[in-house]
């Protein structure tokens, strides 16, 4: 396993991190989830990402149990706050009340005294940004959170948070967690240049495009039985990809490139996002330990300029690049 700094901070994270969105506590039985975490640890992965909302808080509980007995100082545990975790009007968003209550609940579920990174899961247009940043800063000073970051914020939102933190003397954001893959490059035009300038690292999710970049989804054919596309909880981010036969055909044409590079399709996809120096870590998810072991082999892989150009030539017009595709709800859900 290779390691990188999280943005301009001193924190080192594994190039490949393990995430449990839509797997632990929902799609995957606990025994399989524990086996996947063990495989991640065996492969040298030290960075684990979750969120309070995943599987209605159950994902944090599963991860907490899976990491019991592992030396805490050897791990980097990340979680998030924003989405609803209850039915009340304050059980959502980035208010002081919700953040305060959520972080303590997350710590209990994760069975830890602190999290290495606490992330605002979306931008909250209904809470003053100063209130959110001050609450995060308080948690850092209390030792319950070591670093703070965001997820799926626009370049403008990140820039304003950094400006306000500098002006108010708050801890700065060190990371952003966006969707990023060969097919979804919407952060490249605005978010990445700002982040490079300001020392914010990307912890990217869905580097394999929810499995589309493995090549297992074929144009004109039904998804394989048991795949994520057949599970309603895993379909929300896949529809536009799976309905595009041109895209699926072009993905099939990546197979010779992967073979020539000596990589599986998943390894090629994960290695591709890691070629971006602003990416601190790529999050992988898995339902089976062998998927973890396969993905982890992308660590340290360096793709040549010819390989990167060939990928661009194959994918061509199906790549999504519009920065406006990164957006937060105008109202809390």
C-alpha atoms as a PDB file:
ATOM      1  CA  UNK A   1       0.000   0.000   0.000  1.00  0.00           C
ATOM      2  CA  UNK A   2       1.172   3.526  -0.794  1.00  0.00           C
ATOM      3  CA  UNK A   3       0.324   6.588   1.326  1.00  0.00           C
ATOM      4  CA  UNK A   4      -0.334  10.243   0.564  1.00  0.00           C
ATOM      5  CA  UNK A   5      -0.883  13.408   2.563  1.00  0.00           C
ATOM      6  CA  UNK A   6      -4.504  14.446   2.990  1.00  0.00           C
ATOM      7  CA  UNK A   7      -4.326  17.765   1.198  1.00  0.00           C
ATOM      8  CA  UNK A   8      -1.679  20.018   2.691  1.00  0.00           C
ATOM      9  CA  UNK A   9      -2.172  18.545   6.149  1.00  0.00           C
ATOM     10  CA  UNK A  10       0.320  16.327   7.939  1.00  0.00           C
ATOM     11  CA  UNK A  11      -2.133  13.395   7.999  1.00  0.00           C
ATOM     12  CA  UNK A  12      -1.116  10.419   5.871  1.00  0.00           C
ATOM     13  CA  UNK A  13      -3.856   8.251   4.373  1.00  0.00           C
ATOM     14  CA  UNK A  14      -3.720   5.058   2.351  1.00  0.00           C
ATOM     15  CA  UNK A  15      -3.976   5.687  -1.397  1.00  0.00           C
ATOM     16  CA  UNK A  16      -6.923   3.335  -1.374  1.00  0.00           C
ATOM     17  CA  UNK A  17      -9.466   3.669   1.404  1.00  0.00           C
ATOM     18  CA  UNK A  18     -12.326   1.365   2.274  1.00  0.00           C
ATOM     19  CA  UNK A  19     -15.869   2.771   2.297  1.00  0.00           C
ATOM     20  CA  UNK A  20     -19.116   1.111   3.353  1.00  0.00           C
ATOM     21  CA  UNK A  21     -21.812   3.119   1.589  1.00  0.00           C
ATOM     22  CA  UNK A  22     -24.775   0.887   0.522  1.00  0.00           C
ATOM     23  CA  UNK A  23     -22.947  -2.263   1.635  1.00  0.00           C
ATOM     24  CA  UNK A  24     -22.540  -2.670   5.392  1.00  0.00           C
ATOM     25  CA  UNK A  25     -25.834  -2.880   7.212  1.00  0.00           C
ATOM     26  CA  UNK A  26     -27.849  -3.174   4.004  1.00  0.00           C
ATOM     27  CA  UNK A  27     -26.623  -5.083   0.939  1.00  0.00           C
ATOM     28  CA  UNK A  28     -23.998  -7.174   2.725  1.00  0.00           C
ATOM     29  CA  UNK A  29     -24.511  -9.490   5.681  1.00  0.00           C
ATOM     30  CA  UNK A  30     -22.344  -8.684   8.690  1.00  0.00           C
ATOM     31  CA  UNK A  31     -20.131 -11.741   8.345  1.00  0.00           C
ATOM     32  CA  UNK A  32     -19.247 -10.748   4.773  1.00  0.00           C
ATOM     33  CA  UNK A  33     -18.753  -7.126   5.825  1.00  0.00           C
ATOM     34  CA  UNK A  34     -16.319  -8.164   8.549  1.00  0.00           C
ATOM     35  CA  UNK A  35     -14.449 -10.323   6.035  1.00  0.00           C
ATOM     36  CA  UNK A  36     -14.145  -7.349   3.660  1.00  0.00           C
ATOM     37  CA  UNK A  37     -12.732  -5.127   6.402  1.00  0.00           C
ATOM     38  CA  UNK A  38     -10.233  -7.846   7.337  1.00  0.00           C
ATOM     39  CA  UNK A  39      -9.179  -8.105   3.695  1.00  0.00           C
ATOM     40  CA  UNK A  40      -8.704  -4.333   3.572  1.00  0.00           C
ATOM     41  CA  UNK A  41      -6.509  -4.430   6.664  1.00  0.00           C
ATOM     42  CA  UNK A  42      -4.543  -7.358   5.239  1.00  0.00           C
ATOM     43  CA  UNK A  43      -3.889  -5.324   2.074  1.00  0.00           C
ATOM     44  CA  UNK A  44      -2.472  -2.446   4.127  1.00  0.00           C
ATOM     45  CA  UNK A  45      -5.509  -0.169   3.904  1.00  0.00           C
ATOM     46  CA  UNK A  46      -5.600   2.027   7.001  1.00  0.00           C
ATOM     47  CA  UNK A  47      -8.218   4.591   5.960  1.00  0.00           C
ATOM     48  CA  UNK A  48     -11.904   3.776   6.471  1.00  0.00           C
ATOM     49  CA  UNK A  49     -14.765   6.038   5.363  1.00  0.00           C
ATOM     50  CA  UNK A  50     -18.388   5.912   6.433  1.00  0.00           C
ATOM     51  CA  UNK A  51     -21.287   8.265   7.292  1.00  0.00           C
ATOM     52  CA  UNK A  52     -24.050   8.440   9.872  1.00  0.00           C
ATOM     53  CA  UNK A  53     -26.725   8.168   7.191  1.00  0.00           C
ATOM     54  CA  UNK A  54     -25.379   4.988   5.562  1.00  0.00           C
ATOM     55  CA  UNK A  55     -27.869   2.160   6.135  1.00  0.00           C
ATOM     56  CA  UNK A  56     -29.700   4.421   8.593  1.00  0.00           C
ATOM     57  CA  UNK A  57     -26.694   4.499  10.985  1.00  0.00           C
ATOM     58  CA  UNK A  58     -26.092   0.718  10.806  1.00  0.00           C
ATOM     59  CA  UNK A  59     -23.013   1.084   8.598  1.00  0.00           C
ATOM     60  CA  UNK A  60     -21.166   2.960  11.338  1.00  0.00           C
ATOM     61  CA  UNK A  61     -22.113   0.251  13.837  1.00  0.00           C
ATOM     62  CA  UNK A  62     -20.801  -2.527  11.588  1.00  0.00           C
ATOM     63  CA  UNK A  63     -17.538  -0.669  10.949  1.00  0.00           C
ATOM     64  CA  UNK A  64     -17.109  -0.021  14.657  1.00  0.00           C
ATOM     65  CA  UNK A  65     -17.429  -3.728  15.392  1.00  0.00           C
ATOM     66  CA  UNK A  66     -15.169  -4.676  12.480  1.00  0.00           C
ATOM     67  CA  UNK A  67     -12.329  -2.464  13.722  1.00  0.00           C
ATOM     68  CA  UNK A  68     -12.517  -3.514  17.361  1.00  0.00           C
ATOM     69  CA  UNK A  69      -9.193  -4.850  18.567  1.00  0.00           C
ATOM     70  CA  UNK A  70      -7.194  -2.980  15.923  1.00  0.00           C
ATOM     71  CA  UNK A  71      -4.712  -0.459  17.326  1.00  0.00           C
ATOM     72  CA  UNK A  72      -6.620   2.844  17.014  1.00  0.00           C
ATOM     73  CA  UNK A  73      -3.499   4.873  16.253  1.00  0.00           C
ATOM     74  CA  UNK A  74      -2.880   2.723  13.164  1.00  0.00           C
ATOM     75  CA  UNK A  75      -6.212   3.726  11.582  1.00  0.00           C
ATOM     76  CA  UNK A  76      -7.749   6.808   9.986  1.00  0.00           C
ATOM     77  CA  UNK A  77     -11.517   6.731  10.533  1.00  0.00           C
ATOM     78  CA  UNK A  78     -13.683   9.180   8.591  1.00  0.00           C
ATOM     79  CA  UNK A  79     -17.395   9.881   8.911  1.00  0.00           C
ATOM     80  CA  UNK A  80     -19.895  12.543   7.834  1.00  0.00           C
ATOM     81  CA  UNK A  81     -22.898  14.603   8.907  1.00  0.00           C
ATOM     82  CA  UNK A  82     -25.792  16.327   7.070  1.00  0.00           C
ATOM     83  CA  UNK A  83     -28.425  13.892   5.791  1.00  0.00           C
ATOM     84  CA  UNK A  84     -31.442  12.958   7.956  1.00  0.00           C
ATOM     85  CA  UNK A  85     -30.821  10.485  10.756  1.00  0.00           C
ATOM     86  CA  UNK A  86     -34.251  10.888  12.365  1.00  0.00           C
ATOM     87  CA  UNK A  87     -37.705  12.314  11.728  1.00  0.00           C
ATOM     88  CA  UNK A  88     -37.401  15.604  13.616  1.00  0.00           C
ATOM     89  CA  UNK A  89     -36.761  19.001  11.993  1.00  0.00           C
ATOM     90  CA  UNK A  90     -33.315  19.199  13.612  1.00  0.00           C
ATOM     91  CA  UNK A  91     -32.258  15.657  12.685  1.00  0.00           C
ATOM     92  CA  UNK A  92     -30.560  16.950   9.523  1.00  0.00           C
ATOM     93  CA  UNK A  93     -28.371  19.716   8.168  1.00  0.00           C
ATOM     94  CA  UNK A  94     -25.272  21.420   9.565  1.00  0.00           C
ATOM     95  CA  UNK A  95     -26.686  23.335  12.518  1.00  0.00           C
ATOM     96  CA  UNK A  96     -24.728  23.392  15.767  1.00  0.00           C
ATOM     97  CA  UNK A  97     -27.420  21.186  17.355  1.00  0.00           C
ATOM     98  CA  UNK A  98     -27.371  18.516  14.647  1.00  0.00           C
ATOM     99  CA  UNK A  99     -23.578  18.417  14.349  1.00  0.00           C
ATOM    100  CA  UNK A 100     -23.145  18.230  18.123  1.00  0.00           C
ATOM    101  CA  UNK A 101     -25.655  15.407  18.510  1.00  0.00           C
ATOM    102  CA  UNK A 102     -24.492  13.562  15.399  1.00  0.00           C
ATOM    103  CA  UNK A 103     -20.802  13.460  16.207  1.00  0.00           C
ATOM    104  CA  UNK A 104     -21.435  11.982  19.645  1.00  0.00           C
ATOM    105  CA  UNK A 105     -23.774   9.368  18.163  1.00  0.00           C
ATOM    106  CA  UNK A 106     -21.181   8.509  15.511  1.00  0.00           C
ATOM    107  CA  UNK A 107     -18.451   8.129  18.119  1.00  0.00           C
ATOM    108  CA  UNK A 108     -20.644   5.723  20.093  1.00  0.00           C
ATOM    109  CA  UNK A 109     -21.433   3.633  17.029  1.00  0.00           C
ATOM    110  CA  UNK A 110     -17.817   3.590  15.847  1.00  0.00           C
ATOM    111  CA  UNK A 111     -16.599   2.720  19.353  1.00  0.00           C
ATOM    112  CA  UNK A 112     -13.930   5.408  19.330  1.00  0.00           C
ATOM    113  CA  UNK A 113     -13.126   8.608  21.247  1.00  0.00           C
ATOM    114  CA  UNK A 114     -12.397  10.620  18.117  1.00  0.00           C
ATOM    115  CA  UNK A 115     -12.604  10.554  14.327  1.00  0.00           C
ATOM    116  CA  UNK A 116      -9.652  11.508  12.202  1.00  0.00           C
ATOM    117  CA  UNK A 117     -11.804  13.389   9.669  1.00  0.00           C
ATOM    118  CA  UNK A 118     -15.342  14.763  10.067  1.00  0.00           C
ATOM    119  CA  UNK A 119     -17.005  15.827   6.831  1.00  0.00           C
ATOM    120  CA  UNK A 120     -19.980  18.005   5.927  1.00  0.00           C
ATOM    121  CA  UNK A 121     -21.811  15.575   3.654  1.00  0.00           C
ATOM    122  CA  UNK A 122     -23.397  18.388   1.628  1.00  0.00           C
ATOM    123  CA  UNK A 123     -23.572  22.187   1.846  1.00  0.00           C
ATOM    124  CA  UNK A 124     -26.431  23.390   4.055  1.00  0.00           C
ATOM    125  CA  UNK A 125     -28.051  26.500   2.585  1.00  0.00           C
ATOM    126  CA  UNK A 126     -30.282  26.828   5.676  1.00  0.00           C
ATOM    127  CA  UNK A 127     -27.479  27.205   8.229  1.00  0.00           C
ATOM    128  CA  UNK A 128     -25.057  30.154   8.376  1.00  0.00           C
ATOM    129  CA  UNK A 129     -21.678  28.902   7.222  1.00  0.00           C
ATOM    130  CA  UNK A 130     -20.033  30.566  10.221  1.00  0.00           C
ATOM    131  CA  UNK A 131     -22.179  28.452  12.578  1.00  0.00           C
ATOM    132  CA  UNK A 132     -21.103  25.236  10.875  1.00  0.00           C
ATOM    133  CA  UNK A 133     -17.409  26.126  10.768  1.00  0.00           C
ATOM    134  CA  UNK A 134     -17.387  27.330  14.383  1.00  0.00           C
ATOM    135  CA  UNK A 135     -18.998  24.073  15.523  1.00  0.00           C
ATOM    136  CA  UNK A 136     -16.432  22.038  13.568  1.00  0.00           C
ATOM    137  CA  UNK A 137     -13.653  24.158  15.074  1.00  0.00           C
ATOM    138  CA  UNK A 138     -15.008  23.521  18.574  1.00  0.00           C
ATOM    139  CA  UNK A 139     -14.932  19.770  17.955  1.00  0.00           C
ATOM    140  CA  UNK A 140     -11.303  19.992  16.833  1.00  0.00           C
ATOM    141  CA  UNK A 141     -10.392  21.922  19.976  1.00  0.00           C
ATOM    142  CA  UNK A 142     -12.204  19.317  22.097  1.00  0.00           C
ATOM    143  CA  UNK A 143     -10.175  16.516  20.454  1.00  0.00           C
ATOM    144  CA  UNK A 144     -13.262  14.705  19.164  1.00  0.00           C
ATOM    145  CA  UNK A 145     -12.337  15.509  15.558  1.00  0.00           C
ATOM    146  CA  UNK A 146      -8.791  15.880  14.246  1.00  0.00           C
ATOM    147  CA  UNK A 147      -9.458  17.329  10.782  1.00  0.00           C
ATOM    148  CA  UNK A 148     -12.515  18.677   8.954  1.00  0.00           C
ATOM    149  CA  UNK A 149     -13.595  18.342   5.357  1.00  0.00           C
ATOM    150  CA  UNK A 150     -16.602  18.449   3.065  1.00  0.00           C
ATOM    151  CA  UNK A 151     -18.268  16.255   0.467  1.00  0.00           C
ATOM    152  CA  UNK A 152     -19.709  17.334  -2.879  1.00  0.00           C
ATOM    153  CA  UNK A 153     -19.276  21.066  -2.273  1.00  0.00           C
ATOM    154  CA  UNK A 154     -18.812  23.376  -5.232  1.00  0.00           C
ATOM    155  CA  UNK A 155     -15.624  25.335  -5.766  1.00  0.00           C
ATOM    156  CA  UNK A 156     -17.418  28.505  -4.682  1.00  0.00           C
ATOM    157  CA  UNK A 157     -18.658  26.930  -1.447  1.00  0.00           C
ATOM    158  CA  UNK A 158     -15.204  25.558  -0.622  1.00  0.00           C
ATOM    159  CA  UNK A 159     -13.576  28.915  -1.368  1.00  0.00           C
ATOM    160  CA  UNK A 160     -15.991  30.773   0.907  1.00  0.00           C
ATOM    161  CA  UNK A 161     -15.437  28.285   3.733  1.00  0.00           C
ATOM    162  CA  UNK A 162     -11.674  28.693   3.432  1.00  0.00           C
ATOM    163  CA  UNK A 163     -11.948  32.490   3.379  1.00  0.00           C
ATOM    164  CA  UNK A 164     -14.181  32.528   6.443  1.00  0.00           C
ATOM    165  CA  UNK A 165     -11.971  30.062   8.338  1.00  0.00           C
ATOM    166  CA  UNK A 166      -8.921  32.243   7.713  1.00  0.00           C
ATOM    167  CA  UNK A 167     -10.819  35.389   8.704  1.00  0.00           C
ATOM    168  CA  UNK A 168     -12.281  33.878  11.898  1.00  0.00           C
ATOM    169  CA  UNK A 169      -9.261  31.804  12.920  1.00  0.00           C
ATOM    170  CA  UNK A 170     -11.074  28.465  12.506  1.00  0.00           C
ATOM    171  CA  UNK A 171      -9.459  25.204  11.454  1.00  0.00           C
ATOM    172  CA  UNK A 172      -9.348  25.041   7.640  1.00  0.00           C
ATOM    173  CA  UNK A 173     -10.902  22.356   5.496  1.00  0.00           C
ATOM    174  CA  UNK A 174      -8.298  19.814   4.441  1.00  0.00           C
ATOM    175  CA  UNK A 175     -10.415  17.675   2.125  1.00  0.00           C
ATOM    176  CA  UNK A 176     -13.344  17.310  -0.234  1.00  0.00           C
ATOM    177  CA  UNK A 177     -15.070  14.028  -1.052  1.00  0.00           C
ATOM    178  CA  UNK A 178     -16.471  14.162  -4.591  1.00  0.00           C
ATOM    179  CA  UNK A 179     -17.556  11.578  -7.104  1.00  0.00           C
ATOM    180  CA  UNK A 180     -14.696  11.096  -9.574  1.00  0.00           C
ATOM    181  CA  UNK A 181     -13.940   8.536 -12.262  1.00  0.00           C
ATOM    182  CA  UNK A 182     -12.937   8.216 -15.912  1.00  0.00           C
ATOM    183  CA  UNK A 183     -16.596   8.842 -16.725  1.00  0.00           C
ATOM    184  CA  UNK A 184     -17.368  11.559 -14.152  1.00  0.00           C
ATOM    185  CA  UNK A 185     -14.773  14.356 -14.239  1.00  0.00           C
ATOM    186  CA  UNK A 186     -16.871  17.317 -13.128  1.00  0.00           C
ATOM    187  CA  UNK A 187     -14.366  18.411 -10.441  1.00  0.00           C
ATOM    188  CA  UNK A 188     -11.519  18.966 -12.878  1.00  0.00           C
ATOM    189  CA  UNK A 189     -12.469  22.408 -14.199  1.00  0.00           C
ATOM    190  CA  UNK A 190     -13.130  24.310 -10.954  1.00  0.00           C
ATOM    191  CA  UNK A 191     -12.797  22.230  -7.773  1.00  0.00           C
ATOM    192  CA  UNK A 192      -9.362  20.740  -8.471  1.00  0.00           C
ATOM    193  CA  UNK A 193      -7.586  23.995  -9.423  1.00  0.00           C
ATOM    194  CA  UNK A 194      -8.939  25.725  -6.301  1.00  0.00           C
ATOM    195  CA  UNK A 195      -8.028  22.735  -4.145  1.00  0.00           C
ATOM    196  CA  UNK A 196      -4.471  22.585  -5.463  1.00  0.00           C
ATOM    197  CA  UNK A 197      -4.026  26.279  -4.696  1.00  0.00           C
ATOM    198  CA  UNK A 198      -5.544  26.008  -1.205  1.00  0.00           C
ATOM    199  CA  UNK A 199      -4.139  22.652  -0.097  1.00  0.00           C
ATOM    200  CA  UNK A 200      -7.407  20.704  -0.115  1.00  0.00           C
ATOM    201  CA  UNK A 201      -7.128  17.015  -1.033  1.00  0.00           C
ATOM    202  CA  UNK A 202      -9.759  14.942  -2.806  1.00  0.00           C
ATOM    203  CA  UNK A 203     -10.987  11.682  -1.254  1.00  0.00           C
ATOM    204  CA  UNK A 204     -12.875  10.400  -4.264  1.00  0.00           C
ATOM    205  CA  UNK A 205     -15.845   8.058  -4.242  1.00  0.00           C
ATOM    206  CA  UNK A 206     -17.075   5.766  -6.991  1.00  0.00           C
ATOM    207  CA  UNK A 207     -13.790   5.499  -8.940  1.00  0.00           C
ATOM    208  CA  UNK A 208     -15.266   2.414 -10.655  1.00  0.00           C
ATOM    209  CA  UNK A 209     -18.570   4.223 -11.389  1.00  0.00           C
ATOM    210  CA  UNK A 210     -20.599   1.850  -9.169  1.00  0.00           C
ATOM    211  CA  UNK A 211     -19.126  -1.105 -11.051  1.00  0.00           C
ATOM    212  CA  UNK A 212     -19.791   0.161 -14.578  1.00  0.00           C
ATOM    213  CA  UNK A 213     -16.046   0.454 -15.262  1.00  0.00           C
ATOM    214  CA  UNK A 214     -15.495  -3.225 -14.456  1.00  0.00           C
ATOM    215  CA  UNK A 215     -17.097  -3.960 -17.830  1.00  0.00           C
ATOM    216  CA  UNK A 216     -19.652  -6.385 -16.378  1.00  0.00           C
ATOM    217  CA  UNK A 217     -22.630  -4.381 -17.676  1.00  0.00           C
ATOM    218  CA  UNK A 218     -23.076  -5.099 -21.369  1.00  0.00           C
ATOM    219  CA  UNK A 219     -24.979  -2.953 -23.880  1.00  0.00           C
ATOM    220  CA  UNK A 220     -28.432  -4.268 -24.674  1.00  0.00           C
ATOM    221  CA  UNK A 221     -28.339  -6.875 -21.924  1.00  0.00           C
ATOM    222  CA  UNK A 222     -29.898  -7.118 -18.474  1.00  0.00           C
ATOM    223  CA  UNK A 223     -27.523  -6.546 -15.542  1.00  0.00           C
ATOM    224  CA  UNK A 224     -25.931  -9.721 -14.138  1.00  0.00           C
ATOM    225  CA  UNK A 225     -27.875 -11.380 -11.329  1.00  0.00           C
ATOM    226  CA  UNK A 226     -26.731 -10.204  -7.923  1.00  0.00           C
ATOM    227  CA  UNK A 227     -24.973  -7.094  -9.251  1.00  0.00           C
ATOM    228  CA  UNK A 228     -25.435  -3.684  -7.676  1.00  0.00           C
ATOM    229  CA  UNK A 229     -27.677  -2.621 -10.563  1.00  0.00           C
ATOM    230  CA  UNK A 230     -30.245  -5.237  -9.543  1.00  0.00           C
ATOM    231  CA  UNK A 231     -30.490  -3.867  -5.999  1.00  0.00           C
ATOM    232  CA  UNK A 232     -32.827  -0.850  -5.675  1.00  0.00           C
ATOM    233  CA  UNK A 233     -30.559   0.682  -3.015  1.00  0.00           C
ATOM    234  CA  UNK A 234     -27.658   0.721  -5.471  1.00  0.00           C
ATOM    235  CA  UNK A 235     -29.372   2.065  -8.569  1.00  0.00           C
ATOM    236  CA  UNK A 236     -29.763   5.767  -7.850  1.00  0.00           C
ATOM    237  CA  UNK A 237     -26.380   6.815  -9.237  1.00  0.00           C
ATOM    238  CA  UNK A 238     -26.192   4.238 -12.028  1.00  0.00           C
ATOM    239  CA  UNK A 239     -29.237   4.863 -14.175  1.00  0.00           C
ATOM    240  CA  UNK A 240     -27.733   7.329 -16.642  1.00  0.00           C
ATOM    241  CA  UNK A 241     -24.732   5.062 -17.215  1.00  0.00           C
ATOM    242  CA  UNK A 242     -26.669   1.827 -17.628  1.00  0.00           C
ATOM    243  CA  UNK A 243     -29.165   3.386 -20.034  1.00  0.00           C
ATOM    244  CA  UNK A 244     -26.389   4.577 -22.368  1.00  0.00           C
ATOM    245  CA  UNK A 245     -25.433   1.772 -24.748  1.00  0.00           C
ATOM    246  CA  UNK A 246     -22.747   3.927 -26.381  1.00  0.00           C
ATOM    247  CA  UNK A 247     -21.119   4.411 -22.986  1.00  0.00           C
ATOM    248  CA  UNK A 248     -21.308   0.691 -22.160  1.00  0.00           C
ATOM    249  CA  UNK A 249     -19.812  -0.179 -25.541  1.00  0.00           C
ATOM    250  CA  UNK A 250     -16.949   2.248 -25.032  1.00  0.00           C
ATOM    251  CA  UNK A 251     -16.268   0.752 -21.595  1.00  0.00           C
ATOM    252  CA  UNK A 252     -15.940  -2.674 -23.254  1.00  0.00           C
ATOM    253  CA  UNK A 253     -13.308  -1.128 -25.518  1.00  0.00           C
ATOM    254  CA  UNK A 254     -11.186  -0.337 -22.445  1.00  0.00           C
ATOM    255  CA  UNK A 255     -10.526  -4.057 -21.913  1.00  0.00           C
ATOM    256  CA  UNK A 256      -7.534  -4.265 -24.299  1.00  0.00           C
ATOM    257  CA  UNK A 257      -5.996  -1.202 -22.606  1.00  0.00           C
ATOM    258  CA  UNK A 258      -6.313  -2.811 -19.193  1.00  0.00           C
ATOM    259  CA  UNK A 259      -4.923  -6.111 -20.476  1.00  0.00           C
ATOM    260  CA  UNK A 260      -1.937  -4.390 -22.092  1.00  0.00           C
ATOM    261  CA  UNK A 261      -1.228  -2.627 -18.791  1.00  0.00           C
ATOM    262  CA  UNK A 262      -1.488  -5.925 -16.906  1.00  0.00           C
ATOM    263  CA  UNK A 263      -4.449  -4.690 -14.861  1.00  0.00           C
ATOM    264  CA  UNK A 264      -8.014  -5.765 -14.273  1.00  0.00           C
ATOM    265  CA  UNK A 265     -10.657  -3.294 -15.388  1.00  0.00           C
ATOM    266  CA  UNK A 266     -11.315  -2.287 -11.768  1.00  0.00           C
ATOM    267  CA  UNK A 267      -7.603  -1.785 -11.132  1.00  0.00           C
ATOM    268  CA  UNK A 268      -7.328   0.393 -14.250  1.00  0.00           C
ATOM    269  CA  UNK A 269     -10.242   2.548 -13.057  1.00  0.00           C
ATOM    270  CA  UNK A 270      -8.857   3.014  -9.547  1.00  0.00           C
ATOM    271  CA  UNK A 271      -5.334   3.632 -10.845  1.00  0.00           C
ATOM    272  CA  UNK A 272      -6.712   6.257 -13.258  1.00  0.00           C
ATOM    273  CA  UNK A 273      -8.097   8.490 -10.474  1.00  0.00           C
ATOM    274  CA  UNK A 274      -4.841   8.124  -8.526  1.00  0.00           C
ATOM    275  CA  UNK A 275      -2.902   9.654 -11.415  1.00  0.00           C
ATOM    276  CA  UNK A 276      -4.413  12.997 -10.389  1.00  0.00           C
ATOM    277  CA  UNK A 277      -1.958  14.408  -7.815  1.00  0.00           C
ATOM    278  CA  UNK A 278      -4.776  16.282  -6.060  1.00  0.00           C
ATOM    279  CA  UNK A 279      -6.400  12.942  -5.178  1.00  0.00           C
ATOM    280  CA  UNK A 280      -5.313  11.887  -1.704  1.00  0.00           C
ATOM    281  CA  UNK A 281      -7.239   8.608  -1.647  1.00  0.00           C
ATOM    282  CA  UNK A 282      -9.696   6.601  -3.734  1.00  0.00           C
ATOM    283  CA  UNK A 283     -12.569   4.964  -1.855  1.00  0.00           C
ATOM    284  CA  UNK A 284     -13.449   1.415  -2.802  1.00  0.00           C
ATOM    285  CA  UNK A 285     -16.480  -0.529  -1.645  1.00  0.00           C
ATOM    286  CA  UNK A 286     -16.965  -4.262  -1.793  1.00  0.00           C
ATOM    287  CA  UNK A 287     -19.385  -7.066  -1.089  1.00  0.00           C
ATOM    288  CA  UNK A 288     -16.695  -9.770  -1.242  1.00  0.00           C
ATOM    289  CA  UNK A 289     -13.109  -9.883   0.094  1.00  0.00           C
ATOM    290  CA  UNK A 290     -11.705 -10.773  -3.330  1.00  0.00           C
ATOM    291  CA  UNK A 291     -12.989  -7.451  -4.675  1.00  0.00           C
ATOM    292  CA  UNK A 292     -11.012  -5.636  -1.973  1.00  0.00           C
ATOM    293  CA  UNK A 293      -7.866  -7.582  -2.805  1.00  0.00           C
ATOM    294  CA  UNK A 294      -8.238  -6.907  -6.524  1.00  0.00           C
ATOM    295  CA  UNK A 295      -8.881  -3.173  -6.118  1.00  0.00           C
ATOM    296  CA  UNK A 296      -6.030  -2.740  -3.635  1.00  0.00           C
ATOM    297  CA  UNK A 297      -3.511  -3.781  -6.286  1.00  0.00           C
ATOM    298  CA  UNK A 298      -4.086  -0.416  -7.983  1.00  0.00           C
ATOM    299  CA  UNK A 299      -2.033   1.266  -5.246  1.00  0.00           C
ATOM    300  CA  UNK A 300       1.278   2.544  -6.548  1.00  0.00           C
ATOM    301  CA  UNK A 301       0.392   1.885 -10.211  1.00  0.00           C
ATOM    302  CA  UNK A 302       1.674   4.567 -12.575  1.00  0.00           C
ATOM    303  CA  UNK A 303      -0.088   4.807 -15.924  1.00  0.00           C
ATOM    304  CA  UNK A 304       1.908   6.150 -18.842  1.00  0.00           C
ATOM    305  CA  UNK A 305       0.825   9.162 -20.884  1.00  0.00           C
ATOM    306  CA  UNK A 306       0.033   6.804 -23.760  1.00  0.00           C
ATOM    307  CA  UNK A 307      -2.370   4.795 -21.587  1.00  0.00           C
ATOM    308  CA  UNK A 308      -4.084   7.934 -20.300  1.00  0.00           C
ATOM    309  CA  UNK A 309      -4.465   9.237 -23.863  1.00  0.00           C
ATOM    310  CA  UNK A 310      -5.832   5.896 -25.076  1.00  0.00           C
ATOM    311  CA  UNK A 311      -8.484   5.945 -22.338  1.00  0.00           C
ATOM    312  CA  UNK A 312      -9.535   9.444 -23.383  1.00  0.00           C
ATOM    313  CA  UNK A 313      -9.714   8.383 -27.036  1.00  0.00           C
ATOM    314  CA  UNK A 314     -11.947   5.408 -26.207  1.00  0.00           C
ATOM    315  CA  UNK A 315     -14.364   7.231 -23.894  1.00  0.00           C
ATOM    316  CA  UNK A 316     -14.552  10.449 -25.914  1.00  0.00           C
ATOM    317  CA  UNK A 317     -17.946  12.178 -25.732  1.00  0.00           C
ATOM    318  CA  UNK A 318     -19.473  10.033 -22.961  1.00  0.00           C
ATOM    319  CA  UNK A 319     -17.265  11.637 -20.290  1.00  0.00           C
ATOM    320  CA  UNK A 320     -19.212  14.074 -18.080  1.00  0.00           C
ATOM    321  CA  UNK A 321     -17.307  17.268 -17.266  1.00  0.00           C
ATOM    322  CA  UNK A 322     -19.922  19.949 -16.467  1.00  0.00           C
ATOM    323  CA  UNK A 323     -19.029  21.559 -13.084  1.00  0.00           C
ATOM    324  CA  UNK A 324     -22.693  22.377 -12.466  1.00  0.00           C
ATOM    325  CA  UNK A 325     -23.340  18.660 -11.909  1.00  0.00           C
ATOM    326  CA  UNK A 326     -21.839  19.217  -8.443  1.00  0.00           C
ATOM    327  CA  UNK A 327     -24.695  20.777  -6.529  1.00  0.00           C
ATOM    328  CA  UNK A 328     -26.278  20.669  -3.099  1.00  0.00           C
ATOM    329  CA  UNK A 329     -29.994  20.707  -2.243  1.00  0.00           C
ATOM    330  CA  UNK A 330     -31.444  24.208  -1.853  1.00  0.00           C
ATOM    331  CA  UNK A 331     -33.457  22.925   1.106  1.00  0.00           C
ATOM    332  CA  UNK A 332     -32.631  20.227   3.626  1.00  0.00           C
ATOM    333  CA  UNK A 333     -34.086  16.843   2.687  1.00  0.00           C
END
